[in-house]
Amino acid sequence: MDEQLEESVDMPETESVPEETSSREDGAADDKCLLGEIHDTLAALERRFGLKMQYDEKKQKIIDAQHEELQELRKRLDGAILETVLMSIIRVIDAIESETARLRNPDKPVSAEEILSFTESLKEDLLDILFDNRIEPFRSNSGEAFMPLRHFAGNVVDTDDPEKNKTVGSSERTGYSTNKGDVFRKELVSVFKCGRAN
């Protein structure tokens, strides 16, 4: 009878954990792990950015310091060059004053040749100053091609010869260039012009 009673009473079944709930817990754990990795990556990037900012700041300070040193060196160099030029000019003035005093002496007549010699010596002294500062004179010969970058046309000379068209007639004032060939002042020249040239 007891056996029949046991058979007639339904025993409660054991509840099982739904598979859906387990999947959610696994997904939450994965999300948490991913967020942690993102956080670590952002933290590393922040540290690297901070170091980069410090490096750039130091680099900029070095560049600024070097720029200031270069500017100061340039000022001293310009000052030294200018001082050299001015002292050279002063020496020329000294020579002019000394020679002028001699020429004014009524007891010692001066010839035209002596005056010409003196002016030539002054020219050489001034050219020496230019040479010391890398400036050289230049003059063109008649028949050379007229070059607008080197010549300034002060006078136009008519000619019937087509071969002379746009060539230098004569040099009327010396030109000056640097020792590298850059024109410092154009040469004043006369230029041939042929009305029959094409």
Protein backbone atom coordinates (compact mmCIF):
# COMPACT_ATOMS: atom_id res chain seq x y z
CA MET A 1 0.00 0.00 0.00
CA ASP A 2 2.84 2.30 0.78
CA GLU A 3 4.30 1.55 -2.59
CA GLN A 4 1.02 2.51 -4.24
CA LEU A 5 0.94 5.76 -2.24
CA GLU A 6 4.45 6.64 -3.31
CA GLU A 7 3.54 5.97 -6.91
CA SER A 8 0.45 8.14 -6.70
CA VAL A 9 2.34 11.16 -5.21
CA ASP A 10 4.22 13.19 -7.81
CA MET A 11 7.73 14.12 -6.64
CA PRO A 12 8.77 17.69 -7.52
CA GLU A 13 11.34 17.91 -10.31
CA THR A 14 14.73 19.57 -9.70
CA GLU A 15 14.89 23.07 -11.28
CA SER A 16 17.64 23.51 -13.84
CA VAL A 17 19.50 26.89 -14.60
CA PRO A 18 18.38 28.26 -17.93
CA GLU A 19 21.11 28.37 -20.57
CA GLU A 20 20.17 31.99 -21.42
CA THR A 21 21.10 33.22 -17.92
CA SER A 22 24.54 31.57 -18.16
CA SER A 23 25.21 33.19 -21.53
CA ARG A 24 24.36 36.62 -20.14
CA GLU A 25 26.81 36.18 -17.29
CA ASP A 26 29.55 35.13 -19.72
CA GLY A 27 28.80 38.13 -21.95
CA ALA A 28 28.95 40.50 -19.00
CA ALA A 29 32.33 39.09 -18.01
CA ASP A 30 33.62 39.55 -21.57
CA ASP A 31 32.37 43.16 -21.66
CA LYS A 32 34.05 43.87 -18.35
CA CYS A 33 37.32 42.42 -19.64
CA LEU A 34 37.08 44.47 -22.86
CA LEU A 35 36.41 47.68 -20.91
CA GLY A 36 39.44 46.96 -18.78
CA GLU A 37 41.60 46.56 -21.86
CA ILE A 38 40.27 49.82 -23.32
CA HIS A 39 40.95 51.59 -20.03
CA ASP A 40 44.51 50.27 -19.94
CA THR A 41 45.07 51.31 -23.56
CA LEU A 42 43.75 54.83 -22.92
CA ALA A 43 45.93 55.12 -19.83
CA ALA A 44 49.00 54.07 -21.84
CA LEU A 45 48.16 56.57 -24.59
CA GLU A 46 47.73 59.29 -21.99
CA ARG A 47 51.16 58.54 -20.53
CA ARG A 48 52.74 58.54 -23.98
CA PHE A 49 51.02 61.80 -24.87
CA GLY A 50 52.28 63.36 -21.65
CA LEU A 51 55.84 62.28 -22.39
CA LYS A 52 55.51 63.58 -25.97
CA MET A 53 54.32 66.96 -24.68
CA GLN A 54 57.27 67.15 -22.30
CA TYR A 55 59.67 66.23 -25.13
CA ASP A 56 58.16 68.83 -27.47
CA GLU A 57 58.35 71.49 -24.76
CA LYS A 58 62.04 70.77 -24.11
CA LYS A 59 62.73 70.65 -27.84
CA GLN A 60 61.05 74.03 -28.35
CA LYS A 61 63.08 75.55 -25.51
CA ILE A 62 66.29 74.30 -27.12
CA ILE A 63 65.24 75.68 -30.53
CA ASP A 64 64.37 79.06 -28.98
CA ALA A 65 67.70 79.21 -27.16
CA GLN A 66 69.64 78.33 -30.31
CA HIS A 67 67.68 80.94 -32.28
CA GLU A 68 68.54 83.63 -29.73
CA GLU A 69 72.21 82.61 -29.81
CA LEU A 70 72.22 82.75 -33.62
CA GLN A 71 70.61 86.20 -33.63
CA GLU A 72 73.15 87.46 -31.10
CA LEU A 73 76.03 85.99 -33.13
CA ARG A 74 74.66 87.60 -36.28
CA LYS A 75 74.45 90.98 -34.56
CA ARG A 76 78.04 90.71 -33.37
CA LEU A 77 79.19 89.62 -36.83
CA ASP A 78 77.33 92.46 -38.55
CA GLY A 79 78.78 94.87 -36.02
CA ALA A 80 82.31 93.59 -36.62
CA ILE A 81 81.92 93.86 -40.42
CA LEU A 82 80.48 97.36 -40.17
CA GLU A 83 83.27 98.42 -37.81
CA THR A 84 85.89 97.15 -40.27
CA VAL A 85 84.28 99.05 -43.17
CA LEU A 86 83.97 102.26 -41.15
CA MET A 87 87.58 102.10 -39.98
CA SER A 88 88.70 101.62 -43.60
CA ILE A 89 86.70 104.66 -44.68
CA ILE A 90 88.21 106.70 -41.84
CA ARG A 91 91.71 105.79 -43.03
CA VAL A 92 90.80 107.02 -46.52
CA ILE A 93 89.52 110.28 -45.03
CA ASP A 94 92.79 110.63 -43.11
CA ALA A 95 94.70 110.27 -46.37
CA ILE A 96 92.49 112.87 -48.08
CA GLU A 97 92.98 115.37 -45.26
CA SER A 98 96.74 114.86 -45.25
CA GLU A 99 97.05 115.23 -49.02
CA THR A 100 94.69 118.22 -49.11
CA ALA A 101 96.86 120.02 -46.57
CA ARG A 102 99.92 119.34 -48.73
CA LEU A 103 98.20 120.54 -51.91
CA ARG A 104 97.21 123.80 -50.24
CA ASN A 105 100.79 124.65 -49.32
CA PRO A 106 101.66 127.70 -51.48
CA ASP A 107 105.37 127.04 -51.13
CA LYS A 108 105.05 123.69 -52.95
CA PRO A 109 103.26 123.97 -56.27
CA VAL A 110 101.37 120.83 -57.28
CA SER A 111 101.18 119.53 -60.83
CA ALA A 112 98.09 118.07 -62.47
CA GLU A 113 99.89 114.74 -62.63
CA GLU A 114 100.26 114.70 -58.83
CA ILE A 115 96.56 115.41 -58.38
CA LEU A 116 95.64 112.62 -60.78
CA SER A 117 97.96 110.25 -58.97
CA PHE A 118 96.36 111.14 -55.67
CA THR A 119 92.81 110.55 -56.93
CA GLU A 120 93.87 107.20 -58.39
CA SER A 121 95.33 106.17 -55.04
CA LEU A 122 92.04 107.11 -53.36
CA LYS A 123 90.17 104.95 -55.86
CA GLU A 124 92.45 102.00 -55.12
CA ASP A 125 91.95 102.44 -51.38
CA LEU A 126 88.17 102.42 -51.80
CA LEU A 127 88.30 99.40 -54.11
CA ASP A 128 90.33 97.58 -51.46
CA ILE A 129 87.48 98.20 -49.01
CA LEU A 130 85.02 96.70 -51.49
CA PHE A 131 87.29 93.71 -52.18
CA ASP A 132 87.57 93.07 -48.44
CA ASN A 133 83.78 92.88 -48.37
CA ARG A 134 83.51 90.58 -51.42
CA ILE A 135 82.42 93.28 -53.88
CA GLU A 136 84.18 93.49 -57.26
CA PRO A 137 83.88 95.99 -60.14
CA PHE A 138 83.07 94.92 -63.68
CA ARG A 139 82.91 96.62 -67.08
CA SER A 140 81.64 95.37 -70.44
CA ASN A 141 83.33 95.73 -73.80
CA SER A 142 81.69 97.21 -76.85
CA GLY A 143 79.83 94.57 -78.83
CA GLU A 144 78.94 92.37 -75.84
CA ALA A 145 75.30 91.37 -75.56
CA PHE A 146 73.14 93.69 -73.49
CA MET A 147 72.00 91.83 -70.35
CA PRO A 148 69.18 93.51 -68.39
CA LEU A 149 70.23 91.72 -65.19
CA ARG A 150 73.73 93.24 -65.39
CA HIS A 151 73.27 96.40 -67.47
CA PHE A 152 71.29 99.61 -67.21
CA ALA A 153 70.71 101.32 -70.55
CA GLY A 154 71.59 104.97 -70.06
CA ASN A 155 71.82 105.87 -73.71
CA VAL A 156 70.53 104.34 -76.97
CA VAL A 157 72.74 104.59 -80.05
CA ASP A 158 71.14 104.13 -83.48
CA THR A 159 72.97 101.87 -85.92
CA ASP A 160 72.40 100.46 -89.40
CA ASP A 161 74.24 97.25 -88.55
CA PRO A 162 71.77 94.51 -87.53
CA GLU A 163 74.57 92.56 -85.86
CA LYS A 164 75.09 95.39 -83.35
CA ASN A 165 71.43 95.50 -82.36
CA LYS A 166 70.98 95.13 -78.59
CA THR A 167 74.70 95.06 -77.89
CA VAL A 168 76.75 97.30 -75.61
CA GLY A 169 78.08 100.44 -77.29
CA SER A 170 80.24 101.60 -74.39
CA SER A 171 80.52 101.35 -70.64
CA GLU A 172 79.60 104.65 -69.02
CA ARG A 173 79.73 103.69 -65.34
CA THR A 174 81.29 100.70 -63.59
CA GLY A 175 79.06 97.92 -62.33
CA TYR A 176 79.68 95.96 -59.15
CA SER A 177 78.99 92.35 -58.23
CA THR A 178 79.67 90.00 -55.36
CA ASN A 179 82.48 87.47 -55.64
CA LYS A 180 79.72 84.90 -56.28
CA GLY A 181 78.53 86.74 -59.37
CA ASP A 182 75.40 88.39 -57.96
CA VAL A 183 74.98 91.94 -59.27
CA PHE A 184 75.32 94.53 -56.52
CA ARG A 185 74.90 97.52 -58.83
CA LYS A 186 74.19 97.39 -62.56
CA GLU A 187 76.67 98.79 -65.04
CA LEU A 188 75.51 101.89 -66.91
CA VAL A 189 76.01 101.37 -70.65
CA SER A 190 74.97 102.72 -74.01
CA VAL A 191 73.10 100.25 -76.21
CA PHE A 192 73.00 99.91 -79.97
CA LYS A 193 69.60 99.82 -81.62
CA CYS A 194 69.06 98.96 -85.25
CA GLY A 195 65.82 100.06 -86.84
CA ARG A 196 66.18 97.41 -89.57
CA ALA A 197 66.60 94.51 -87.12
CA ASN A 198 63.90 91.85 -86.99
